C-alpha cells in the first residue's frame, strides 16, 4: 500500500511539476531576472513560507496523527468533529495574522527583504505585490487541512492534483491580465490568490463527496485542539527547517546584486521536481501510515515501511542529484533561456542549481525521517535539530556569499540540510526507532555505484550531445530531453544489472494491499 500511495501522489505531483515548469518558463520569458521578478518572487515566497511552516509543516504534522488516531479509535464522525474544531481555530488565527501582515507589510520588508529598502521603487513594488498574494496563506492553509483529512482516509489523488489548479490559474492570469496591469508581476500576484480560491473549492467538494464536509464553527479550544496546539508549538520550526533556511536565503540574497533572488528561484524550481515528486509523495504517504500502525501496536510493519520509504527516496534522488551536479547549465538553458531570460542568466542560475543539487537527498530524507518523530507524538526533537540547522545555514551563508555570491547562498542551504538529516537519523538509530534492515544495507552501496555510472555517462554526453541540434530554443529543448532520456535509461539499466531492484519485487509490491 505504501508504494501504491507513493506512486499515486508522485504521478499527480509530476503532472503538477510539469505544468509548474511551463508556468516558470512563461514567468522567465515575461519577467526575466531583474527588479520585477525579484519583487514577485518575494511576494510569492512569503505566503508560501508561512504556509509550509504553519499549515503543511507544524499543523499537518500534528493534525494528521491525531486525526488518524481518532479514526482508528473512535470512528469517522468523531474525527470529522475534531477537524471542524481545528479548522475553526486555524481560520481565526490566520485571519488575524493576514490582517496584521497587510497593515505592517512595508515594515516587514525591512526584516524579510532588507536589501530592497535601499531602492524605494523596488520596496514599493514588493509591498504592493505581497499585499496581493498574502491572502493565499489563509486559503492554502485551509486546503492543507482538507488535504490532511483526505490523505488520512486514503484519498491521495485529489489532493496530489490540487497544485495543477494553481499553475493553470497563474498561467491564465499572466496571459490575460498582463496587458491591462502595470507589470506582469501584478498579473501573477492576482493569479496566486485566485489559484488559492480554486484549490479551496476543489478540495471542499472532494471532502463533501467523501463524507468529510466541514462546517465553519465558532472557535472552541477543545481538549484535542489543546493537544494539537501543544504539538504544533515546537513543530513550527521542526517541520519547517528547510523552509526557514530558504527564507534566510531570501533575506541574504536580497542584499546581493539585482537578479540574485531570481537565479535562486529558478534553480530551486528545477531542484524541487525530484523533491516534490518523491519527497512530498513519500512524506505524505508515510505519516498517516506510520501513525495508524503505531496506534495499532504494529511496530514491525511500521519499521518495514520506514525502511522502504528511505530506499524509495534515495533510489530517485541520488541519481537526480548527480544530474544536477553534472549538467546544470544544460538544464537551465534548455528550460528557461528565452525572451527576457538571457544566456548569462541561465549560467548564473546553473551555479545555484548545482549547489542545490548537493543537498537534494538530504531535503528528501528530512521529509522521510521527521514523520518517524511526529507519528510517535515527538515534535520537540526535530525543532532542536532545526535550530542547529538554521544557525548553521546563517553561518555558512555569511561565509560563502562573498566568494560564491548567490551560489554560496544555495550551497549553504544544502549543507545545512545535510546537518539536519544526519542529526534526525542518528537519534532515530539511537532510540531504535529506525533500524536499517538487511535489504536496505545491501541495496544502498549498489545504488551509489549505479548513480556513479550515470554521472560518468552524463559527463561523457556533454562532449557529444550539445550543439547537435543547433543553438536555438528548439535545439536546447531537444538537448535537455535527450539528456533526461539518456540519463534515466542509463541509471535504470545500471540499477537493474547491479541488483538495486528486481521487476518481480516491484510487481509484488504493487499487488500487495499492505506492506505490514
Protein backbone atom coordinates (compact mmCIF):
# COMPACT_ATOMS: atom_id res chain seq x y z
CA UNK A 1 0.00 0.00 0.00
CA UNK A 2 2.88 2.38 0.75
CA UNK A 3 4.39 2.02 -2.73
CA UNK A 4 0.99 2.39 -4.38
CA UNK A 5 0.23 5.51 -2.34
CA UNK A 6 3.62 6.99 -3.20
CA UNK A 7 3.04 6.20 -6.89
CA UNK A 8 -0.38 7.88 -6.80
CA UNK A 9 0.87 11.03 -5.11
CA UNK A 10 4.04 11.07 -7.19
CA UNK A 11 2.25 10.76 -10.54
CA UNK A 12 -0.12 13.64 -9.84
CA UNK A 13 2.72 15.68 -8.38
CA UNK A 14 4.71 15.01 -11.53
CA UNK A 15 1.84 16.39 -13.62
CA UNK A 16 1.75 19.45 -11.40
CA UNK A 17 5.52 19.91 -11.68
CA UNK A 18 5.40 19.64 -15.46
CA UNK A 19 2.76 22.36 -15.53
CA UNK A 20 4.86 24.24 -12.99
CA UNK A 21 7.78 24.17 -15.40
CA UNK A 22 5.54 25.51 -18.16
CA UNK A 23 4.45 28.26 -15.76
CA UNK A 24 8.05 29.07 -14.79
CA UNK A 25 9.10 29.18 -18.43
CA UNK A 26 6.38 31.75 -19.03
CA UNK A 27 7.48 33.73 -15.98
CA UNK A 28 11.10 33.70 -17.17
CA UNK A 29 10.03 34.82 -20.64
CA UNK A 30 7.78 37.64 -19.35
CA UNK A 31 9.87 38.80 -16.36
CA UNK A 32 13.44 37.61 -16.93
CA UNK A 33 15.74 38.20 -13.95
CA UNK A 34 15.57 41.72 -12.58
CA UNK A 35 13.61 44.17 -10.45
CA UNK A 36 10.06 42.97 -11.21
CA UNK A 37 10.95 39.28 -10.98
CA UNK A 38 12.82 39.75 -7.69
CA UNK A 39 9.81 41.57 -6.22
CA UNK A 40 7.33 38.95 -7.39
CA UNK A 41 9.40 36.08 -6.05
CA UNK A 42 9.48 37.71 -2.61
CA UNK A 43 5.71 38.23 -2.84
CA UNK A 44 5.25 34.59 -3.85
CA UNK A 45 7.64 33.17 -1.27
CA UNK A 46 6.30 34.94 1.83
CA UNK A 47 2.79 33.41 1.98
CA UNK A 48 4.23 30.07 0.82
CA UNK A 49 6.87 30.23 3.53
CA UNK A 50 4.27 30.73 6.27
CA UNK A 51 2.02 28.12 4.64
CA UNK A 52 4.75 25.48 4.60
CA UNK A 53 5.86 26.44 8.08
CA UNK A 54 2.44 26.52 9.77
CA UNK A 55 -0.02 24.64 7.56
CA UNK A 56 1.99 21.95 5.77
CA UNK A 57 4.63 21.92 8.47
CA UNK A 58 3.59 22.26 12.08
CA UNK A 59 -0.17 21.97 11.60
CA UNK A 60 -0.21 18.94 9.30
CA UNK A 61 2.50 17.16 11.27
CA UNK A 62 0.43 17.49 14.45
CA UNK A 63 -3.04 17.18 12.90
CA UNK A 64 -2.64 14.05 10.74
CA UNK A 65 -1.53 11.67 13.55
CA UNK A 66 -4.31 12.94 15.86
CA UNK A 67 -6.92 12.72 13.10
CA UNK A 68 -5.72 9.23 12.06
CA UNK A 69 -5.74 8.06 15.68
CA UNK A 70 -9.28 9.38 16.11
CA UNK A 71 -10.41 7.42 13.05
CA UNK A 72 -8.70 4.28 14.35
CA UNK A 73 -10.16 4.51 17.86
CA UNK A 74 -13.45 6.46 17.66
CA UNK A 75 -14.61 6.39 14.05
CA UNK A 76 -15.10 8.80 11.16
CA UNK A 77 -17.75 11.06 12.70
CA UNK A 78 -15.66 11.79 15.77
CA UNK A 79 -12.68 12.55 13.53
CA UNK A 80 -14.79 14.94 11.45
CA UNK A 81 -15.88 16.89 14.55
CA UNK A 82 -12.25 17.21 15.60
CA UNK A 83 -11.38 18.52 12.13
CA UNK A 84 -14.12 21.16 12.42
CA UNK A 85 -12.77 22.33 15.78
CA UNK A 86 -9.25 22.50 14.33
CA UNK A 87 -10.45 24.42 11.27
CA UNK A 88 -12.29 27.00 13.39
CA UNK A 89 -9.15 27.79 15.39
CA UNK A 90 -6.98 27.81 12.26
CA UNK A 91 -9.26 30.28 10.48
CA UNK A 92 -9.43 32.61 13.48
CA UNK A 93 -5.65 32.70 13.85
CA UNK A 94 -4.89 33.12 10.15
CA UNK A 95 -7.49 35.83 9.52
CA UNK A 96 -5.92 37.88 12.31
CA UNK A 97 -2.39 37.16 11.11
CA UNK A 98 -3.21 38.03 7.49
CA UNK A 99 -4.84 41.30 8.52
CA UNK A 100 -1.84 42.20 10.68
CA UNK A 101 0.61 41.48 7.85
CA UNK A 102 -1.38 43.67 5.45
CA UNK A 103 -1.01 46.57 7.88
CA UNK A 104 2.69 46.12 8.68
CA UNK A 105 3.80 44.96 5.20
CA UNK A 106 6.07 47.96 4.46
CA UNK A 107 7.93 47.49 7.76
CA UNK A 108 8.10 43.69 7.42
CA UNK A 109 10.24 44.13 4.31
CA UNK A 110 12.98 45.59 6.49
CA UNK A 111 13.22 42.13 8.07
CA UNK A 112 12.21 39.80 5.24
CA UNK A 113 13.96 41.55 2.33
CA UNK A 114 16.30 44.13 3.85
CA UNK A 115 18.22 44.60 0.61
CA UNK A 116 15.12 46.16 -1.01
CA UNK A 117 14.94 49.04 1.46
CA UNK A 118 17.73 50.98 -0.26
CA UNK A 119 15.69 51.14 -3.51
CA UNK A 120 12.33 52.94 -2.97
CA UNK A 121 10.90 51.69 -6.29
CA UNK A 122 11.80 48.09 -5.53
CA UNK A 123 10.47 48.33 -1.97
CA UNK A 124 7.14 49.86 -3.08
CA UNK A 125 6.60 47.19 -5.75
CA UNK A 126 7.47 44.35 -3.37
CA UNK A 127 5.00 45.67 -0.78
CA UNK A 128 2.20 46.00 -3.35
CA UNK A 129 2.70 42.53 -4.82
CA UNK A 130 2.99 40.88 -1.41
CA UNK A 131 -0.23 42.51 -0.21
CA UNK A 132 -1.96 40.97 -3.23
CA UNK A 133 -0.56 37.48 -2.65
CA UNK A 134 -0.71 37.25 1.15
CA UNK A 135 -4.39 36.15 1.41
CA UNK A 136 -3.18 32.99 -0.31
CA UNK A 137 -1.83 31.94 3.10
CA UNK A 138 -5.33 31.64 4.58
CA UNK A 139 -6.70 29.89 1.50
CA UNK A 140 -3.92 27.36 1.11
CA UNK A 141 -3.80 26.61 4.84
CA UNK A 142 -7.44 25.51 4.65
CA UNK A 143 -6.51 23.50 1.56
CA UNK A 144 -3.77 21.80 3.63
CA UNK A 145 -6.31 20.94 6.34
CA UNK A 146 -8.66 19.43 3.79
CA UNK A 147 -5.72 17.61 2.20
CA UNK A 148 -4.68 16.13 5.53
CA UNK A 149 -8.22 14.79 6.00
CA UNK A 150 -8.33 13.21 2.54
CA UNK A 151 -4.83 11.74 2.84
CA UNK A 152 -5.73 10.20 6.20
CA UNK A 153 -8.64 8.32 4.64
CA UNK A 154 -6.54 7.21 1.68
CA UNK A 155 -7.83 9.70 -0.93
CA UNK A 156 -4.43 10.78 -2.20
CA UNK A 157 -5.20 11.51 -5.84
CA UNK A 158 -7.46 14.54 -5.46
CA UNK A 159 -5.02 16.16 -3.02
CA UNK A 160 -1.94 15.49 -5.15
CA UNK A 161 -3.64 17.03 -8.19
CA UNK A 162 -4.58 20.25 -6.41
CA UNK A 163 -1.44 22.28 -7.38
CA UNK A 164 -2.43 21.85 -11.03
CA UNK A 165 -5.16 24.44 -10.49
CA UNK A 166 -2.69 26.98 -9.11
CA UNK A 167 -0.38 26.56 -12.09
CA UNK A 168 -3.20 26.90 -14.60
CA UNK A 169 -4.63 29.96 -12.84
CA UNK A 170 -1.26 31.72 -12.71
CA UNK A 171 -0.57 30.98 -16.37
CA UNK A 172 -4.00 32.24 -17.37
CA UNK A 173 -3.60 35.40 -15.31
CA UNK A 174 -0.20 36.10 -16.85
CA UNK A 175 -1.59 35.90 -20.38
CA UNK A 176 -4.97 37.58 -19.82
CA UNK A 177 -4.20 40.29 -17.24
CA UNK A 178 -0.70 41.49 -18.12
CA UNK A 179 -1.82 43.86 -20.93
CA UNK A 180 -4.11 45.79 -18.56
CA UNK A 181 -1.83 45.95 -15.45
CA UNK A 182 1.34 47.93 -14.63
CA UNK A 183 3.64 44.86 -14.73
CA UNK A 184 3.43 41.10 -15.33
CA UNK A 185 4.21 40.78 -11.61
CA UNK A 186 0.81 42.27 -10.77
CA UNK A 187 -0.90 39.71 -13.02
CA UNK A 188 0.98 36.82 -11.44
CA UNK A 189 0.21 38.02 -7.92
CA UNK A 190 -3.52 38.12 -8.67
CA UNK A 191 -3.19 34.65 -10.16
CA UNK A 192 -1.67 33.32 -6.93
CA UNK A 193 -4.62 34.38 -4.77
CA UNK A 194 -7.18 33.34 -7.39
CA UNK A 195 -5.50 29.94 -7.56
CA UNK A 196 -5.93 29.54 -3.80
CA UNK A 197 -9.67 30.13 -4.16
CA UNK A 198 -9.94 27.48 -6.88
CA UNK A 199 -7.93 24.94 -4.84
CA UNK A 200 -10.09 25.51 -1.76
CA UNK A 201 -13.29 24.97 -3.70
CA UNK A 202 -11.93 21.81 -5.35
CA UNK A 203 -10.94 20.06 -2.11
CA UNK A 204 -14.07 21.30 -0.34
CA UNK A 205 -16.11 19.41 -2.92
CA UNK A 206 -13.89 16.31 -2.55
CA UNK A 207 -14.24 16.33 1.24
CA UNK A 208 -18.02 16.58 0.93
CA UNK A 209 -18.10 13.68 -1.55
CA UNK A 210 -16.18 11.51 0.92
CA UNK A 211 -18.40 12.28 3.89
CA UNK A 212 -15.98 14.77 5.41
CA UNK A 213 -17.66 18.07 4.58
CA UNK A 214 -16.70 20.62 7.24
CA UNK A 215 -18.85 23.38 8.74
CA UNK A 216 -17.22 26.57 9.94
CA UNK A 217 -17.92 26.84 13.67
CA UNK A 218 -17.14 29.41 16.31
CA UNK A 219 -13.58 28.73 17.59
CA UNK A 220 -13.51 26.39 20.58
CA UNK A 221 -10.30 25.14 22.18
CA UNK A 222 -11.32 21.57 22.98
CA UNK A 223 -9.09 19.01 24.67
CA UNK A 224 -7.84 17.62 21.36
CA UNK A 225 -7.30 21.11 19.95
CA UNK A 226 -5.15 21.89 23.01
CA UNK A 227 -3.09 18.80 22.26
CA UNK A 228 -2.87 19.91 18.62
CA UNK A 229 -1.65 23.38 19.58
CA UNK A 230 0.81 21.96 22.09
CA UNK A 231 2.31 19.69 19.46
CA UNK A 232 2.34 22.49 16.89
CA UNK A 233 4.43 24.85 19.03
CA UNK A 234 7.77 23.08 18.61
CA UNK A 235 6.75 21.73 15.23
CA UNK A 236 6.63 25.25 13.75
CA UNK A 237 10.41 25.01 13.50
CA UNK A 238 10.76 21.24 13.47
CA UNK A 239 8.88 20.56 10.24
CA UNK A 240 9.91 23.83 8.64
CA UNK A 241 13.70 23.62 8.84
CA UNK A 242 14.18 23.59 5.09
CA UNK A 243 11.65 26.41 4.61
CA UNK A 244 13.26 28.55 7.31
CA UNK A 245 16.62 28.06 5.66
CA UNK A 246 15.15 29.04 2.29
CA UNK A 247 13.71 32.17 3.88
CA UNK A 248 17.14 33.01 5.27
CA UNK A 249 18.34 32.65 1.68
CA UNK A 250 15.81 35.28 0.57
CA UNK A 251 16.85 37.69 3.30
CA UNK A 252 20.54 37.36 2.50
CA UNK A 253 20.11 37.22 -1.30
CA UNK A 254 18.14 40.49 -1.19
CA UNK A 255 21.42 42.15 -0.22
CA UNK A 256 23.19 40.77 -3.32
CA UNK A 257 23.02 42.43 -6.78
CA UNK A 258 19.68 42.55 -8.60
CA UNK A 259 18.77 39.20 -10.12
CA UNK A 260 20.19 37.03 -7.34
CA UNK A 261 16.74 36.20 -5.94
CA UNK A 262 15.54 35.28 -9.41
CA UNK A 263 18.51 32.96 -10.04
CA UNK A 264 17.81 31.20 -6.76
CA UNK A 265 14.10 30.89 -7.56
CA UNK A 266 14.62 29.32 -10.99
CA UNK A 267 17.29 26.95 -9.66
CA UNK A 268 15.08 25.99 -6.72
CA UNK A 269 12.20 25.23 -9.09
CA UNK A 270 14.29 22.69 -11.01
CA UNK A 271 15.63 21.06 -7.84
CA UNK A 272 12.07 20.93 -6.48
CA UNK A 273 10.99 18.49 -9.23
CA UNK A 274 12.50 15.36 -7.65
CA UNK A 275 11.93 16.79 -4.17
CA UNK A 276 8.26 17.36 -4.92
CA UNK A 277 7.58 14.15 -6.81
CA UNK A 278 9.45 11.87 -4.40
CA UNK A 279 9.96 13.73 -1.11
CA UNK A 280 6.44 15.10 -0.79
CA UNK A 281 4.92 11.85 -2.07
CA UNK A 282 6.81 9.71 0.47
CA UNK A 283 6.27 12.17 3.32
CA UNK A 284 2.56 12.43 2.53
CA UNK A 285 2.08 8.67 2.39
CA UNK A 286 4.28 7.63 5.32
CA UNK A 287 2.94 9.86 8.14
CA UNK A 288 -0.68 8.61 8.28
CA UNK A 289 0.50 5.04 7.66
CA UNK A 290 3.05 5.09 10.49
CA UNK A 291 0.53 6.81 12.77
CA UNK A 292 -2.08 4.10 12.20
CA UNK A 293 0.40 1.23 12.55
CA UNK A 294 1.94 2.58 15.75
CA UNK A 295 -1.53 3.24 17.20
CA UNK A 296 -2.41 -0.39 16.45
CA UNK A 297 0.86 -1.64 18.01
CA UNK A 298 2.24 -2.91 14.69
CA UNK A 299 5.88 -1.95 15.29
CA UNK A 300 7.27 -4.45 12.79
CA UNK A 301 5.10 -3.13 9.96
CA UNK A 302 5.98 0.47 10.80
CA UNK A 303 9.71 -0.30 10.73
CA UNK A 304 9.42 -2.12 7.39
CA UNK A 305 7.53 0.78 5.82
CA UNK A 306 10.07 3.29 7.12
CA UNK A 307 12.90 1.29 5.54
CA UNK A 308 11.11 1.14 2.21
CA UNK A 309 10.45 4.89 2.36
CA UNK A 310 14.18 5.56 2.75
CA UNK A 311 15.00 3.13 -0.04
CA UNK A 312 12.49 4.60 -2.49
CA UNK A 313 13.54 8.16 -1.68
CA UNK A 314 17.23 7.56 -2.29
CA UNK A 315 16.56 5.46 -5.38
CA UNK A 316 15.17 8.51 -7.15
CA UNK A 317 17.02 11.41 -5.54
CA UNK A 318 20.66 10.25 -5.60
CA UNK A 319 20.83 9.95 -9.42
CA UNK A 320 18.83 13.19 -9.73
CA UNK A 321 21.38 14.96 -7.54
CA UNK A 322 24.18 13.62 -9.74
CA UNK A 323 22.45 15.04 -12.81
CA UNK A 324 22.05 18.47 -11.21
CA UNK A 325 25.78 18.48 -10.45
CA UNK A 326 26.93 17.32 -13.89
CA UNK A 327 24.63 19.16 -16.35
CA UNK A 328 23.12 22.20 -14.51
CA UNK A 329 23.96 24.65 -17.31
CA UNK A 330 22.36 22.47 -19.96
CA UNK A 331 19.18 22.12 -17.89
CA UNK A 332 18.81 25.83 -17.13
CA UNK A 333 19.48 26.92 -20.72
CA UNK A 334 17.00 24.44 -22.17
CA UNK A 335 14.26 25.17 -19.68
CA UNK A 336 14.42 28.94 -19.26
CA UNK A 337 16.65 30.69 -21.82
CA UNK A 338 14.15 32.65 -23.90
CA UNK A 339 12.55 36.09 -24.00
CA UNK A 340 13.82 38.27 -21.17
CA UNK A 341 15.88 35.41 -19.67
CA UNK A 342 19.34 35.57 -21.27
CA UNK A 343 22.21 33.09 -21.66
CA UNK A 344 24.08 34.91 -18.88
CA UNK A 345 21.03 34.48 -16.62
CA UNK A 346 20.96 30.76 -17.41
CA UNK A 347 24.64 30.37 -16.48
CA UNK A 348 24.16 32.28 -13.22
CA UNK A 349 21.13 30.16 -12.28
CA UNK A 350 23.04 26.96 -13.18
CA UNK A 351 25.61 27.69 -10.47
CA UNK A 352 22.81 27.84 -7.89
CA UNK A 353 21.23 24.66 -9.30
CA UNK A 354 24.44 22.67 -8.87
CA UNK A 355 24.70 23.91 -5.28
CA UNK A 356 21.09 22.92 -4.51
CA UNK A 357 21.83 19.50 -6.04
CA UNK A 358 24.34 18.80 -3.27
CA UNK A 359 21.52 18.84 -0.73
CA UNK A 360 18.79 17.12 -2.73
CA UNK A 361 18.98 13.70 -0.98
CA UNK A 362 19.08 15.47 2.40
CA UNK A 363 15.93 17.50 1.65
CA UNK A 364 14.05 14.29 0.92
CA UNK A 365 15.47 12.34 3.85
CA UNK A 366 14.28 15.07 6.21
CA UNK A 367 10.74 14.51 4.91
CA UNK A 368 11.18 10.76 5.50
CA UNK A 369 12.75 10.93 8.97
CA UNK A 370 10.58 13.65 10.55
CA UNK A 371 7.35 11.56 10.34
CA UNK A 372 9.14 8.95 12.46
CA UNK A 373 9.09 11.51 15.28
CA UNK A 374 5.65 13.01 14.65
CA UNK A 375 3.95 9.62 14.39
CA UNK A 376 5.15 9.00 17.95
CA UNK A 377 3.99 12.42 19.16
CA UNK A 378 7.53 13.82 19.44
CA UNK A 379 7.63 17.32 17.96
CA UNK A 380 10.40 18.59 20.22
CA UNK A 381 13.40 16.70 18.90
CA UNK A 382 13.02 17.90 15.30
CA UNK A 383 12.78 21.51 16.46
CA UNK A 384 16.05 21.21 18.34
CA UNK A 385 17.78 19.97 15.21
CA UNK A 386 16.09 22.56 13.03
CA UNK A 387 17.57 25.29 15.22
CA UNK A 388 21.04 23.77 14.75
CA UNK A 389 20.38 23.62 11.00
CA UNK A 390 19.12 27.20 10.94
CA UNK A 391 22.16 28.56 12.78
CA UNK A 392 24.43 26.53 10.52
CA UNK A 393 22.73 27.96 7.46
CA UNK A 394 23.22 31.55 8.63
CA UNK A 395 26.90 30.97 9.43
CA UNK A 396 27.51 29.18 6.12
CA UNK A 397 25.65 31.89 4.21
CA UNK A 398 27.82 34.61 5.68
CA UNK A 399 30.94 32.59 4.91
CA UNK A 400 30.04 31.62 1.34
CA UNK A 401 28.04 34.56 -0.07
CA UNK A 402 31.20 36.64 -0.51
CA UNK A 403 33.28 34.28 -2.65
CA UNK A 404 30.38 32.45 -4.34
CA UNK A 405 27.64 35.15 -4.37
CA UNK A 406 24.15 33.63 -4.90
CA UNK A 407 25.61 30.13 -5.43
CA UNK A 408 27.07 30.37 -1.94
CA UNK A 409 23.58 31.02 -0.57
CA UNK A 410 22.29 27.85 -2.26
CA UNK A 411 25.26 25.78 -1.10
CA UNK A 412 24.77 26.92 2.49
CA UNK A 413 21.18 25.70 2.37
CA UNK A 414 22.28 22.32 1.01
CA UNK A 415 24.94 21.80 3.69
CA UNK A 416 22.55 22.87 6.46
CA UNK A 417 20.02 20.33 5.19
CA UNK A 418 22.60 17.55 5.48
CA UNK A 419 23.32 18.58 9.07
CA UNK A 420 19.61 18.34 9.86
CA UNK A 421 19.13 14.99 8.11
CA UNK A 422 22.12 13.38 9.83
CA UNK A 423 21.00 14.54 13.28
CA UNK A 424 17.49 13.17 12.70
CA UNK A 425 18.84 9.81 11.52
CA UNK A 426 21.37 9.40 14.35
CA UNK A 427 18.72 10.00 17.01
CA UNK A 428 16.27 7.55 15.41
CA UNK A 429 19.05 4.95 15.33
CA UNK A 430 19.97 5.55 18.98
CA UNK A 431 16.35 5.16 20.05
CA UNK A 432 15.95 2.03 17.90
CA UNK A 433 13.02 3.76 16.23
CA UNK A 434 14.70 3.22 12.89
CA UNK A 435 16.80 0.14 12.22
CA UNK A 436 18.14 -0.43 8.72
CA UNK A 437 17.09 -3.89 7.55
CA UNK A 438 19.29 -6.23 5.51
CA UNK A 439 17.67 -5.24 2.24
CA UNK A 440 18.40 -1.55 2.75
CA UNK A 441 22.01 -2.21 3.79
CA UNK A 442 22.51 -4.40 0.75
CA UNK A 443 20.90 -2.04 -1.77
CA UNK A 444 22.45 1.32 -0.82
CA UNK A 445 26.05 0.56 -1.97
CA UNK A 446 24.66 -0.76 -5.26
CA UNK A 447 22.57 2.38 -5.64
CA UNK A 448 25.67 4.54 -5.12
CA UNK A 449 27.56 2.62 -7.82
CA UNK A 450 24.65 2.85 -10.30
CA UNK A 451 24.43 6.60 -9.67
CA UNK A 452 28.19 6.98 -10.25
CA UNK A 453 27.88 5.16 -13.57
CA UNK A 454 25.06 7.53 -14.53
CA UNK A 455 27.16 10.57 -13.62
CA UNK A 456 30.06 9.38 -15.76
CA UNK A 457 27.69 8.75 -18.66
CA UNK A 458 26.17 12.23 -18.41
CA UNK A 459 29.64 13.78 -18.23
CA UNK A 460 30.67 11.94 -21.38
CA UNK A 461 27.44 13.08 -23.02
CA UNK A 462 28.48 16.73 -22.55
CA UNK A 463 31.10 16.20 -25.27
CA UNK A 464 28.68 14.57 -27.71
CA UNK A 465 25.07 15.81 -27.42
CA UNK A 466 25.22 19.65 -27.09
CA UNK A 467 25.29 21.52 -30.41
CA UNK A 468 23.95 18.62 -32.44
CA UNK A 469 20.59 20.34 -32.91
CA UNK A 470 21.70 23.97 -33.18
CA UNK A 471 21.94 26.76 -30.62
CA UNK A 472 18.32 27.94 -30.90
CA UNK A 473 15.50 27.46 -28.43
CA UNK A 474 14.25 24.25 -30.06
CA UNK A 475 17.76 22.79 -30.11
CA UNK A 476 18.27 23.50 -26.43
CA UNK A 477 14.97 21.85 -25.51
CA UNK A 478 15.80 18.75 -27.59
CA UNK A 479 19.21 18.59 -25.93
CA UNK A 480 17.65 18.61 -22.44
CA UNK A 481 15.15 15.93 -23.46
CA UNK A 482 17.93 13.70 -24.79
CA UNK A 483 20.00 14.09 -21.63
CA UNK A 484 16.98 13.24 -19.47
CA UNK A 485 16.12 10.15 -21.52
CA UNK A 486 19.75 9.04 -21.73
CA UNK A 487 20.38 9.60 -18.01
CA UNK A 488 17.23 7.81 -16.88
CA UNK A 489 17.83 4.90 -19.25
CA UNK A 490 21.45 4.51 -18.15
CA UNK A 491 20.56 4.64 -14.47
CA UNK A 492 17.76 2.09 -14.67
CA UNK A 493 19.95 -0.22 -16.73
CA UNK A 494 22.83 0.07 -14.27
CA UNK A 495 20.49 -0.33 -11.30
CA UNK A 496 18.94 -3.44 -12.84
CA UNK A 497 22.31 -5.03 -13.63
CA UNK A 498 23.70 -4.23 -10.17
CA UNK A 499 20.61 -5.60 -8.42
CA UNK A 500 19.30 -2.35 -6.95
CA UNK A 501 15.81 -3.59 -7.78
CA UNK A 502 14.09 -6.51 -9.49
CA UNK A 503 11.00 -6.42 -11.65
CA UNK A 504 9.40 -9.20 -9.61
CA UNK A 505 9.75 -7.16 -6.41
CA UNK A 506 8.05 -4.15 -7.95
CA UNK A 507 5.19 -6.27 -9.33
CA UNK A 508 4.79 -8.00 -5.96
CA UNK A 509 4.70 -4.72 -4.03
CA UNK A 510 2.16 -3.24 -6.42
CA UNK A 511 -0.12 -6.25 -5.96
CA UNK A 512 0.03 -6.20 -2.17
CA UNK A 513 -2.57 -4.26 -0.29
CA UNK A 514 -0.31 -3.82 2.73
CA UNK A 515 3.38 -3.87 3.48
CA UNK A 516 2.82 -4.56 7.15
